[in-house]
Amino acid sequence: MIASVEGVVESVGQDFLVVNVGGVGLRVHVPTSTLARAGGPGQRVKLFTHLHMKEDVLALYGFSAADELRLFVLLLNVSGVGPRNALRMLSVLSPGDLVNAIATEDVDRLIRIPGIGRKTAARLSLELKSKLEKEWAVTPGVPLSAVDADAVEALTTLGYSPAEAHDALAAVEDGADLALEDKIARALQMIGAR
């Protein structure tokens, strides 16, 4: 399997990048968040990848953050969700928002994603809710604020698991009034103190 690719962006499509890795141009399908972070041609990128094999087709899917890749793979395990739908979900909602929508069974939010109907939205919650509550330390009914979601993303980019990030943020005192940078700094102190 191909766990990651690092190289220079050759071209950018609507939902993919062509990344030159050692003289070979790899077409990597990516969510809009990764497209935005990648910049344009000539920029160096590192993507965490999943090689999807189906019959006679090989497709490479890439993400700028490891937690996005983990969530993508979890989504693929749900009956009726293929790589295109999983990628679309991660393009419409941030990983934190998607996890919270699934864990809180927010079907109305999930069906706003093109290609996701009520049955698929209900199946996502049914099949993933308990996994997400354990692995991502989600408290059902309590959606993350935008600042908390950004802080979780920053901490997971630094290599901490989503559960560690959520636990550290929960331990931060007076966290609701802090700026993003202060919240991350205090969360890192909490993690370091353990």
N, C-alpha and C. Protein backbone atom coordinates (compact mmCIF):
# COMPACT_ATOMS: atom_id res chain seq x y z
N MET A 1 0.83 -1.19 0.00
CA MET A 1 0.00 0.00 0.00
C MET A 1 0.88 1.25 0.00
N ILE A 2 0.29 2.34 -0.41
CA ILE A 2 0.99 3.62 -0.43
C ILE A 2 0.45 4.43 0.74
N ALA A 3 1.25 4.61 1.78
CA ALA A 3 0.80 5.29 3.00
C ALA A 3 0.85 6.80 2.89
N SER A 4 1.80 7.32 2.12
CA SER A 4 1.89 8.77 1.94
C SER A 4 2.69 9.07 0.68
N VAL A 5 2.48 10.27 0.17
CA VAL A 5 3.28 10.75 -0.96
C VAL A 5 3.74 12.16 -0.63
N GLU A 6 4.95 12.46 -1.07
CA GLU A 6 5.48 13.81 -0.88
C GLU A 6 6.14 14.22 -2.18
N GLY A 7 5.77 15.40 -2.66
CA GLY A 7 6.34 15.86 -3.91
C GLY A 7 5.85 17.25 -4.25
N VAL A 8 5.98 17.59 -5.52
CA VAL A 8 5.63 18.92 -6.01
C VAL A 8 4.34 18.83 -6.82
N VAL A 9 3.42 19.76 -6.57
CA VAL A 9 2.16 19.80 -7.30
C VAL A 9 2.43 20.20 -8.75
N GLU A 10 2.02 19.35 -9.69
CA GLU A 10 2.16 19.67 -11.12
C GLU A 10 0.92 20.38 -11.64
N SER A 11 -0.26 19.89 -11.23
CA SER A 11 -1.50 20.52 -11.67
C SER A 11 -2.59 20.27 -10.64
N VAL A 12 -3.63 21.11 -10.73
CA VAL A 12 -4.74 21.05 -9.79
C VAL A 12 -6.03 20.91 -10.57
N GLY A 13 -6.85 19.92 -10.20
CA GLY A 13 -8.16 19.74 -10.81
C GLY A 13 -9.25 20.10 -9.82
N GLN A 14 -10.49 19.81 -10.19
CA GLN A 14 -11.61 20.15 -9.32
C GLN A 14 -11.56 19.37 -8.01
N ASP A 15 -11.18 18.10 -8.06
CA ASP A 15 -11.12 17.29 -6.84
C ASP A 15 -9.85 16.43 -6.79
N PHE A 16 -8.80 16.88 -7.46
CA PHE A 16 -7.56 16.10 -7.46
C PHE A 16 -6.35 17.00 -7.64
N LEU A 17 -5.21 16.44 -7.26
CA LEU A 17 -3.91 17.05 -7.51
C LEU A 17 -3.09 16.05 -8.31
N VAL A 18 -2.23 16.53 -9.18
CA VAL A 18 -1.22 15.67 -9.78
C VAL A 18 0.08 16.05 -9.08
N VAL A 19 0.63 15.07 -8.35
CA VAL A 19 1.83 15.30 -7.55
C VAL A 19 3.00 14.56 -8.19
N ASN A 20 4.08 15.30 -8.48
CA ASN A 20 5.28 14.70 -9.05
C ASN A 20 6.12 14.14 -7.92
N VAL A 21 6.25 12.82 -7.91
CA VAL A 21 7.04 12.12 -6.90
C VAL A 21 8.16 11.38 -7.62
N GLY A 22 9.37 11.92 -7.55
CA GLY A 22 10.51 11.28 -8.20
C GLY A 22 10.34 11.12 -9.70
N GLY A 23 9.74 12.09 -10.36
CA GLY A 23 9.57 12.02 -11.80
C GLY A 23 8.30 11.33 -12.26
N VAL A 24 7.50 10.82 -11.33
CA VAL A 24 6.24 10.15 -11.67
C VAL A 24 5.09 11.04 -11.20
N GLY A 25 4.17 11.37 -12.09
CA GLY A 25 3.01 12.18 -11.73
C GLY A 25 1.89 11.30 -11.23
N LEU A 26 1.54 11.45 -9.96
CA LEU A 26 0.45 10.67 -9.36
C LEU A 26 -0.80 11.53 -9.26
N ARG A 27 -1.91 11.01 -9.77
CA ARG A 27 -3.20 11.71 -9.63
C ARG A 27 -3.79 11.28 -8.29
N VAL A 28 -3.96 12.25 -7.39
CA VAL A 28 -4.45 11.97 -6.05
C VAL A 28 -5.75 12.74 -5.84
N HIS A 29 -6.85 12.02 -5.59
CA HIS A 29 -8.13 12.65 -5.31
C HIS A 29 -8.10 13.18 -3.89
N VAL A 30 -8.51 14.44 -3.71
CA VAL A 30 -8.41 15.09 -2.40
C VAL A 30 -9.68 15.87 -2.08
N PRO A 31 -9.97 16.08 -0.77
CA PRO A 31 -11.10 16.94 -0.40
C PRO A 31 -10.74 18.41 -0.63
N THR A 32 -11.73 19.27 -0.61
CA THR A 32 -11.49 20.69 -0.86
C THR A 32 -10.54 21.32 0.16
N SER A 33 -10.57 20.83 1.40
CA SER A 33 -9.66 21.39 2.41
C SER A 33 -8.20 21.14 2.03
N THR A 34 -7.91 19.98 1.49
CA THR A 34 -6.54 19.66 1.06
C THR A 34 -6.18 20.46 -0.19
N LEU A 35 -7.14 20.64 -1.10
CA LEU A 35 -6.89 21.47 -2.29
C LEU A 35 -6.49 22.87 -1.88
N ALA A 36 -7.19 23.42 -0.89
CA ALA A 36 -6.91 24.79 -0.44
C ALA A 36 -5.53 24.88 0.20
N ARG A 37 -5.16 23.87 0.99
CA ARG A 37 -3.86 23.89 1.67
C ARG A 37 -2.70 23.65 0.71
N ALA A 38 -2.95 22.93 -0.37
CA ALA A 38 -1.88 22.55 -1.29
C ALA A 38 -1.34 23.73 -2.09
N GLY A 39 -2.16 24.74 -2.28
CA GLY A 39 -1.71 25.84 -3.11
C GLY A 39 -1.78 25.45 -4.58
N GLY A 40 -0.92 26.03 -5.37
CA GLY A 40 -0.95 25.77 -6.81
C GLY A 40 0.25 24.99 -7.29
N PRO A 41 0.38 24.88 -8.60
CA PRO A 41 1.52 24.18 -9.17
C PRO A 41 2.85 24.75 -8.66
N GLY A 42 3.79 23.86 -8.43
CA GLY A 42 5.10 24.25 -7.93
C GLY A 42 5.24 24.17 -6.42
N GLN A 43 4.12 24.02 -5.72
CA GLN A 43 4.15 23.92 -4.26
C GLN A 43 4.47 22.49 -3.83
N ARG A 44 5.22 22.36 -2.76
CA ARG A 44 5.57 21.05 -2.21
C ARG A 44 4.47 20.61 -1.26
N VAL A 45 4.03 19.35 -1.36
CA VAL A 45 2.97 18.83 -0.49
C VAL A 45 3.34 17.46 0.06
N LYS A 46 2.78 17.15 1.22
CA LYS A 46 2.84 15.79 1.75
C LYS A 46 1.40 15.38 2.02
N LEU A 47 1.01 14.24 1.48
CA LEU A 47 -0.35 13.74 1.63
C LEU A 47 -0.34 12.35 2.25
N PHE A 48 -1.24 12.14 3.20
CA PHE A 48 -1.47 10.82 3.76
C PHE A 48 -2.47 10.16 2.82
N THR A 49 -2.18 8.95 2.37
CA THR A 49 -2.96 8.39 1.27
C THR A 49 -3.60 7.04 1.57
N HIS A 50 -4.63 6.77 0.77
CA HIS A 50 -5.32 5.48 0.77
C HIS A 50 -5.43 5.04 -0.68
N LEU A 51 -4.94 3.85 -0.97
CA LEU A 51 -5.05 3.29 -2.32
C LEU A 51 -6.30 2.43 -2.36
N HIS A 52 -7.27 2.84 -3.16
CA HIS A 52 -8.54 2.12 -3.25
C HIS A 52 -8.52 1.25 -4.51
N MET A 53 -8.78 -0.03 -4.32
CA MET A 53 -8.78 -0.97 -5.43
C MET A 53 -10.19 -1.53 -5.62
N LYS A 54 -10.68 -1.45 -6.85
CA LYS A 54 -11.99 -2.03 -7.16
C LYS A 54 -11.91 -2.58 -8.57
N GLU A 55 -12.15 -3.86 -8.67
CA GLU A 55 -12.07 -4.57 -9.94
C GLU A 55 -10.80 -4.20 -10.69
N ASP A 56 -10.90 -3.44 -11.77
CA ASP A 56 -9.70 -3.11 -12.55
C ASP A 56 -9.29 -1.65 -12.40
N VAL A 57 -9.76 -0.98 -11.33
CA VAL A 57 -9.46 0.44 -11.13
C VAL A 57 -8.68 0.64 -9.85
N LEU A 58 -7.58 1.38 -9.95
CA LEU A 58 -6.81 1.80 -8.77
C LEU A 58 -6.95 3.31 -8.66
N ALA A 59 -7.32 3.79 -7.48
CA ALA A 59 -7.45 5.24 -7.27
C ALA A 59 -6.77 5.60 -5.97
N LEU A 60 -6.04 6.70 -5.99
CA LEU A 60 -5.31 7.16 -4.81
C LEU A 60 -6.04 8.37 -4.23
N TYR A 61 -6.32 8.31 -2.93
CA TYR A 61 -7.00 9.39 -2.21
C TYR A 61 -6.04 9.95 -1.19
N GLY A 62 -5.92 11.27 -1.13
CA GLY A 62 -4.94 11.89 -0.24
C GLY A 62 -5.53 12.98 0.64
N PHE A 63 -4.88 13.16 1.80
CA PHE A 63 -5.35 14.11 2.81
C PHE A 63 -4.16 14.79 3.45
N SER A 64 -4.32 16.07 3.77
CA SER A 64 -3.21 16.80 4.38
C SER A 64 -3.06 16.48 5.86
N ALA A 65 -4.07 15.87 6.47
CA ALA A 65 -4.00 15.51 7.89
C ALA A 65 -4.32 14.03 8.07
N ALA A 66 -3.61 13.38 8.97
CA ALA A 66 -3.78 11.95 9.21
C ALA A 66 -5.18 11.62 9.74
N ASP A 67 -5.78 12.53 10.53
CA ASP A 67 -7.11 12.25 11.07
C ASP A 67 -8.17 12.24 9.96
N GLU A 68 -7.98 13.04 8.92
CA GLU A 68 -8.90 13.01 7.78
C GLU A 68 -8.84 11.66 7.09
N LEU A 69 -7.63 11.13 6.93
CA LEU A 69 -7.46 9.82 6.31
C LEU A 69 -8.14 8.74 7.16
N ARG A 70 -7.93 8.79 8.48
CA ARG A 70 -8.55 7.80 9.36
C ARG A 70 -10.06 7.83 9.26
N LEU A 71 -10.63 9.03 9.23
CA LEU A 71 -12.08 9.16 9.11
C LEU A 71 -12.55 8.67 7.75
N PHE A 72 -11.80 8.96 6.70
CA PHE A 72 -12.13 8.49 5.35
C PHE A 72 -12.22 6.97 5.33
N VAL A 73 -11.25 6.30 5.92
CA VAL A 73 -11.24 4.83 5.95
C VAL A 73 -12.42 4.30 6.76
N LEU A 74 -12.75 4.95 7.88
CA LEU A 74 -13.94 4.55 8.66
C LEU A 74 -15.20 4.68 7.81
N LEU A 75 -15.32 5.77 7.07
CA LEU A 75 -16.50 5.99 6.24
C LEU A 75 -16.63 4.91 5.17
N LEU A 76 -15.51 4.45 4.64
CA LEU A 76 -15.55 3.41 3.60
C LEU A 76 -16.09 2.09 4.13
N ASN A 77 -16.02 1.87 5.44
CA ASN A 77 -16.53 0.64 6.04
C ASN A 77 -18.04 0.62 6.19
N VAL A 78 -18.70 1.74 5.91
CA VAL A 78 -20.15 1.82 6.02
C VAL A 78 -20.76 1.34 4.70
N SER A 79 -21.73 0.44 4.81
CA SER A 79 -22.40 -0.10 3.64
C SER A 79 -23.03 1.03 2.82
N GLY A 80 -22.75 1.05 1.53
CA GLY A 80 -23.32 2.06 0.65
C GLY A 80 -22.50 3.32 0.51
N VAL A 81 -21.38 3.41 1.22
CA VAL A 81 -20.51 4.59 1.11
C VAL A 81 -19.24 4.20 0.38
N GLY A 82 -19.06 4.77 -0.80
CA GLY A 82 -17.85 4.52 -1.56
C GLY A 82 -16.87 5.65 -1.38
N PRO A 83 -15.72 5.57 -2.03
CA PRO A 83 -14.70 6.60 -1.85
C PRO A 83 -15.14 7.99 -2.32
N ARG A 84 -15.93 8.06 -3.38
CA ARG A 84 -16.39 9.37 -3.87
C ARG A 84 -17.31 10.04 -2.85
N ASN A 85 -18.26 9.26 -2.27
CA ASN A 85 -19.14 9.84 -1.26
C ASN A 85 -18.37 10.23 -0.01
N ALA A 86 -17.43 9.39 0.41
CA ALA A 86 -16.62 9.69 1.60
C ALA A 86 -15.81 10.97 1.38
N LEU A 87 -15.24 11.11 0.20
CA LEU A 87 -14.47 12.31 -0.13
C LEU A 87 -15.37 13.55 -0.16
N ARG A 88 -16.58 13.37 -0.71
CA ARG A 88 -17.54 14.48 -0.76
C ARG A 88 -17.92 14.92 0.65
N MET A 89 -18.11 13.96 1.56
CA MET A 89 -18.45 14.30 2.95
C MET A 89 -17.36 15.15 3.58
N LEU A 90 -16.10 14.75 3.35
CA LEU A 90 -14.96 15.48 3.93
C LEU A 90 -14.70 16.80 3.20
N SER A 91 -15.29 16.98 2.03
CA SER A 91 -15.18 18.25 1.32
C SER A 91 -16.21 19.25 1.82
N VAL A 92 -17.38 18.75 2.21
CA VAL A 92 -18.47 19.62 2.65
C VAL A 92 -18.33 19.98 4.13
N LEU A 93 -17.96 19.01 4.97
CA LEU A 93 -17.84 19.24 6.41
C LEU A 93 -16.41 18.98 6.86
N SER A 94 -15.95 19.74 7.84
CA SER A 94 -14.63 19.47 8.42
C SER A 94 -14.70 18.13 9.15
N PRO A 95 -13.57 17.47 9.39
CA PRO A 95 -13.62 16.20 10.12
C PRO A 95 -14.35 16.31 11.46
N GLY A 96 -14.09 17.38 12.21
CA GLY A 96 -14.76 17.55 13.51
C GLY A 96 -16.26 17.69 13.36
N ASP A 97 -16.70 18.49 12.38
CA ASP A 97 -18.13 18.68 12.15
C ASP A 97 -18.79 17.39 11.67
N LEU A 98 -18.11 16.65 10.81
CA LEU A 98 -18.66 15.40 10.31
C LEU A 98 -18.79 14.38 11.43
N VAL A 99 -17.75 14.25 12.25
CA VAL A 99 -17.79 13.33 13.39
C VAL A 99 -18.94 13.69 14.31
N ASN A 100 -19.10 14.96 14.61
CA ASN A 100 -20.18 15.38 15.51
C ASN A 100 -21.55 15.17 14.89
N ALA A 101 -21.70 15.41 13.59
CA ALA A 101 -22.98 15.19 12.93
C ALA A 101 -23.36 13.71 12.98
N ILE A 102 -22.38 12.83 12.78
CA ILE A 102 -22.65 11.39 12.83
C ILE A 102 -22.95 10.96 14.26
N ALA A 103 -22.12 11.39 15.22
CA ALA A 103 -22.27 10.95 16.61
C ALA A 103 -23.55 11.48 17.25
N THR A 104 -24.00 12.66 16.82
CA THR A 104 -25.23 13.23 17.39
C THR A 104 -26.46 12.89 16.55
N GLU A 105 -26.27 12.05 15.54
CA GLU A 105 -27.35 11.60 14.65
C GLU A 105 -28.07 12.79 14.00
N ASP A 106 -27.30 13.76 13.58
CA ASP A 106 -27.83 14.96 12.93
C ASP A 106 -28.07 14.66 11.44
N VAL A 107 -29.15 13.91 11.18
CA VAL A 107 -29.47 13.47 9.83
C VAL A 107 -29.70 14.66 8.90
N ASP A 108 -30.35 15.71 9.41
CA ASP A 108 -30.63 16.88 8.56
C ASP A 108 -29.34 17.52 8.05
N ARG A 109 -28.33 17.54 8.87
CA ARG A 109 -27.04 18.11 8.44
C ARG A 109 -26.35 17.20 7.43
N LEU A 110 -26.43 15.90 7.66
CA LEU A 110 -25.76 14.94 6.77
C LEU A 110 -26.40 14.90 5.39
N ILE A 111 -27.74 15.05 5.32
CA ILE A 111 -28.39 14.95 4.00
C ILE A 111 -28.16 16.20 3.14
N ARG A 112 -27.57 17.23 3.71
CA ARG A 112 -27.20 18.41 2.90
C ARG A 112 -25.98 18.11 2.02
N ILE A 113 -25.30 17.02 2.32
CA ILE A 113 -24.14 16.62 1.52
C ILE A 113 -24.66 15.95 0.25
N PRO A 114 -24.26 16.43 -0.93
CA PRO A 114 -24.73 15.80 -2.17
C PRO A 114 -24.40 14.31 -2.20
N GLY A 115 -25.40 13.50 -2.57
CA GLY A 115 -25.20 12.06 -2.66
C GLY A 115 -25.53 11.30 -1.39
N ILE A 116 -25.85 12.02 -0.31
CA ILE A 116 -26.18 11.36 0.96
C ILE A 116 -27.67 11.56 1.23
N GLY A 117 -28.40 10.46 1.24
CA GLY A 117 -29.83 10.51 1.54
C GLY A 117 -30.09 10.15 2.99
N ARG A 118 -31.36 10.12 3.36
CA ARG A 118 -31.74 9.82 4.75
C ARG A 118 -31.27 8.43 5.18
N LYS A 119 -31.42 7.45 4.31
CA LYS A 119 -31.03 6.08 4.69
C LYS A 119 -29.52 5.99 4.94
N THR A 120 -28.74 6.59 4.07
CA THR A 120 -27.28 6.55 4.24
C THR A 120 -26.88 7.33 5.49
N ALA A 121 -27.51 8.48 5.73
CA ALA A 121 -27.20 9.28 6.92
C ALA A 121 -27.51 8.49 8.19
N ALA A 122 -28.65 7.82 8.20
CA ALA A 122 -29.02 7.01 9.37
C ALA A 122 -28.05 5.85 9.54
N ARG A 123 -27.64 5.24 8.42
CA ARG A 123 -26.70 4.12 8.48
C ARG A 123 -25.34 4.57 9.01
N LEU A 124 -24.90 5.77 8.61
CA LEU A 124 -23.64 6.32 9.11
C LEU A 124 -23.66 6.39 10.63
N SER A 125 -24.74 6.95 11.18
CA SER A 125 -24.85 7.08 12.63
C SER A 125 -24.94 5.71 13.29
N LEU A 126 -25.73 4.82 12.72
CA LEU A 126 -25.90 3.49 13.30
C LEU A 126 -24.58 2.72 13.35
N GLU A 127 -23.83 2.74 12.25
CA GLU A 127 -22.62 1.93 12.16
C GLU A 127 -21.38 2.59 12.77
N LEU A 128 -21.34 3.92 12.85
CA LEU A 128 -20.11 4.59 13.29
C LEU A 128 -20.20 5.29 14.64
N LYS A 129 -21.40 5.51 15.14
CA LYS A 129 -21.56 6.31 16.36
C LYS A 129 -20.68 5.81 17.51
N SER A 130 -20.76 4.52 17.83
CA SER A 130 -19.99 4.00 18.98
C SER A 130 -18.48 4.06 18.71
N LYS A 131 -18.06 3.79 17.48
CA LYS A 131 -16.63 3.88 17.15
C LYS A 131 -16.12 5.30 17.30
N LEU A 132 -16.90 6.25 16.83
CA LEU A 132 -16.49 7.65 16.90
C LEU A 132 -16.46 8.15 18.34
N GLU A 133 -17.42 7.71 19.15
CA GLU A 133 -17.44 8.12 20.56
C GLU A 133 -16.20 7.62 21.28
N LYS A 134 -15.74 6.40 20.94
CA LYS A 134 -14.54 5.85 21.58
C LYS A 134 -13.26 6.46 21.01
N GLU A 135 -13.12 6.39 19.70
CA GLU A 135 -11.87 6.78 19.05
C GLU A 135 -11.67 8.29 18.96
N TRP A 136 -12.74 9.05 18.89
CA TRP A 136 -12.61 10.49 18.71
C TRP A 136 -13.05 11.25 19.95
N ALA A 137 -13.37 10.55 21.02
CA ALA A 137 -13.77 11.15 22.30
C ALA A 137 -14.89 12.17 22.11
N VAL A 138 -15.91 11.78 21.37
CA VAL A 138 -17.04 12.66 21.10
C VAL A 138 -18.08 12.48 22.19
N THR A 139 -18.60 13.58 22.68
CA THR A 139 -19.69 13.54 23.63
C THR A 139 -20.97 13.79 22.85
N PRO A 140 -21.85 12.78 22.72
CA PRO A 140 -23.06 12.98 21.93
C PRO A 140 -23.87 14.16 22.43
N GLY A 141 -24.40 14.94 21.49
CA GLY A 141 -25.23 16.07 21.84
C GLY A 141 -24.46 17.35 22.10
N VAL A 142 -23.12 17.27 22.12
CA VAL A 142 -22.31 18.46 22.38
C VAL A 142 -21.42 18.72 21.18
N PRO A 143 -21.87 19.54 20.23
CA PRO A 143 -21.03 19.81 19.06
C PRO A 143 -19.84 20.68 19.44
N LEU A 144 -18.74 20.49 18.73
CA LEU A 144 -17.55 21.30 18.96
C LEU A 144 -17.77 22.71 18.42
N SER A 145 -17.21 23.69 19.13
CA SER A 145 -17.21 25.05 18.60
C SER A 145 -16.21 25.09 17.45
N ALA A 146 -16.27 26.13 16.65
CA ALA A 146 -15.34 26.26 15.53
C ALA A 146 -13.90 26.34 16.03
N VAL A 147 -13.68 27.07 17.14
CA VAL A 147 -12.33 27.20 17.70
C VAL A 147 -11.85 25.85 18.22
N ASP A 148 -12.72 25.10 18.91
CA ASP A 148 -12.33 23.77 19.41
C ASP A 148 -12.02 22.82 18.26
N ALA A 149 -12.83 22.86 17.21
CA ALA A 149 -12.58 21.99 16.05
C ALA A 149 -11.23 22.32 15.42
N ASP A 150 -10.91 23.62 15.31
CA ASP A 150 -9.61 24.03 14.77
C ASP A 150 -8.48 23.59 15.68
N ALA A 151 -8.70 23.68 17.00
CA ALA A 151 -7.67 23.26 17.96
C ALA A 151 -7.44 21.76 17.87
N VAL A 152 -8.51 20.98 17.74
CA VAL A 152 -8.37 19.52 17.59
C VAL A 152 -7.59 19.21 16.32
N GLU A 153 -7.92 19.90 15.23
CA GLU A 153 -7.21 19.67 13.97
C GLU A 153 -5.73 20.00 14.10
N ALA A 154 -5.41 21.11 14.78
CA ALA A 154 -4.01 21.50 14.97
C ALA A 154 -3.27 20.46 15.81
N LEU A 155 -3.89 19.99 16.88
CA LEU A 155 -3.24 19.00 17.75
C LEU A 155 -3.05 17.66 17.03
N THR A 156 -4.03 17.25 16.22
CA THR A 156 -3.87 15.99 15.48
C THR A 156 -2.81 16.13 14.40
N THR A 157 -2.67 17.32 13.83
CA THR A 157 -1.61 17.56 12.85
C THR A 157 -0.24 17.44 13.51
N LEU A 158 -0.17 17.79 14.80
CA LEU A 158 1.08 17.65 15.55
C LEU A 158 1.35 16.20 15.96
N GLY A 159 0.42 15.30 15.68
CA GLY A 159 0.66 13.88 15.94
C GLY A 159 -0.12 13.29 17.09
N TYR A 160 -0.95 14.09 17.76
CA TYR A 160 -1.76 13.56 18.85
C TYR A 160 -3.03 12.95 18.27
N SER A 161 -3.57 11.95 18.97
CA SER A 161 -4.81 11.33 18.49
C SER A 161 -5.97 12.29 18.76
N PRO A 162 -7.06 12.15 18.02
CA PRO A 162 -8.22 12.99 18.28
C PRO A 162 -8.71 12.86 19.73
N ALA A 163 -8.65 11.65 20.29
CA ALA A 163 -9.08 11.45 21.68
C ALA A 163 -8.19 12.25 22.63
N GLU A 164 -6.86 12.21 22.42
CA GLU A 164 -5.94 12.99 23.26
C GLU A 164 -6.22 14.49 23.13
N ALA A 165 -6.49 14.93 21.91
CA ALA A 165 -6.77 16.34 21.67
C ALA A 165 -8.04 16.78 22.39
N HIS A 166 -9.10 15.97 22.27
CA HIS A 166 -10.36 16.29 22.94
C HIS A 166 -10.19 16.30 24.45
N ASP A 167 -9.49 15.31 24.99
CA ASP A 167 -9.27 15.24 26.45
C ASP A 167 -8.50 16.46 26.94
N ALA A 168 -7.46 16.85 26.22
CA ALA A 168 -6.65 18.00 26.62
C ALA A 168 -7.47 19.28 26.58
N LEU A 169 -8.28 19.44 25.54
CA LEU A 169 -9.11 20.64 25.43
C LEU A 169 -10.17 20.68 26.53
N ALA A 170 -10.70 19.51 26.88
CA ALA A 170 -11.70 19.45 27.95
C ALA A 170 -11.08 19.85 29.29
N ALA A 171 -9.78 19.57 29.46
CA ALA A 171 -9.10 19.87 30.71
C ALA A 171 -8.65 21.33 30.81
N VAL A 172 -8.70 22.05 29.70
CA VAL A 172 -8.30 23.46 29.71
C VAL A 172 -9.36 24.27 30.45
N GLU A 173 -8.93 24.98 31.50
CA GLU A 173 -9.87 25.79 32.28
C GLU A 173 -10.21 27.07 31.53
N ASP A 174 -11.42 27.53 31.69
CA ASP A 174 -11.90 28.77 31.05
C ASP A 174 -11.63 28.76 29.55
N GLY A 175 -11.75 27.60 28.94
CA GLY A 175 -11.41 27.45 27.53
C GLY A 175 -12.32 28.17 26.57
N ALA A 176 -13.54 28.48 26.98
CA ALA A 176 -14.50 29.07 26.05
C ALA A 176 -14.09 30.47 25.59
N ASP A 177 -13.35 31.20 26.44
CA ASP A 177 -13.01 32.58 26.11
C ASP A 177 -11.61 32.75 25.53
N LEU A 178 -10.90 31.67 25.30
CA LEU A 178 -9.52 31.76 24.83
C LEU A 178 -9.45 31.83 23.31
N ALA A 179 -8.43 32.51 22.82
CA ALA A 179 -8.14 32.52 21.39
C ALA A 179 -7.59 31.15 21.00
N LEU A 180 -7.64 30.84 19.73
CA LEU A 180 -7.19 29.54 19.24
C LEU A 180 -5.76 29.22 19.69
N GLU A 181 -4.85 30.16 19.53
CA GLU A 181 -3.44 29.91 19.87
C GLU A 181 -3.28 29.62 21.36
N ASP A 182 -3.99 30.37 22.21
CA ASP A 182 -3.92 30.15 23.66
C ASP A 182 -4.50 28.79 24.04
N LYS A 183 -5.59 28.42 23.38
CA LYS A 183 -6.23 27.14 23.67
C LYS A 183 -5.28 25.99 23.31
N ILE A 184 -4.62 26.10 22.17
CA ILE A 184 -3.67 25.06 21.74
C ILE A 184 -2.50 25.00 22.70
N ALA A 185 -1.97 26.16 23.09
CA ALA A 185 -0.83 26.19 24.02
C ALA A 185 -1.19 25.54 25.35
N ARG A 186 -2.36 25.86 25.89
CA ARG A 186 -2.77 25.25 27.16
C ARG A 186 -3.03 23.76 27.02
N ALA A 187 -3.60 23.36 25.89
CA ALA A 187 -3.84 21.93 25.66
C ALA A 187 -2.51 21.18 25.60
N LEU A 188 -1.51 21.76 24.94
CA LEU A 188 -0.18 21.14 24.89
C LEU A 188 0.43 21.03 26.28
N GLN A 189 0.22 22.04 27.12
CA GLN A 189 0.70 21.97 28.50
C GLN A 189 0.01 20.84 29.25
N MET A 190 -1.29 20.67 29.04
CA MET A 190 -2.04 19.58 29.70
C MET A 190 -1.50 18.22 29.26
N ILE A 191 -1.25 18.09 27.97
CA ILE A 191 -0.72 16.82 27.44
C ILE A 191 0.66 16.56 28.02
N GLY A 192 1.49 17.60 28.09
CA GLY A 192 2.85 17.46 28.63
C GLY A 192 2.87 17.13 30.11
N ALA A 193 1.84 17.55 30.84
CA ALA A 193 1.79 17.31 32.29
C ALA A 193 1.38 15.88 32.63
N ARG A 194 0.85 15.16 31.66
CA ARG A 194 0.36 13.79 31.92
C ARG A 194 1.47 12.80 31.97
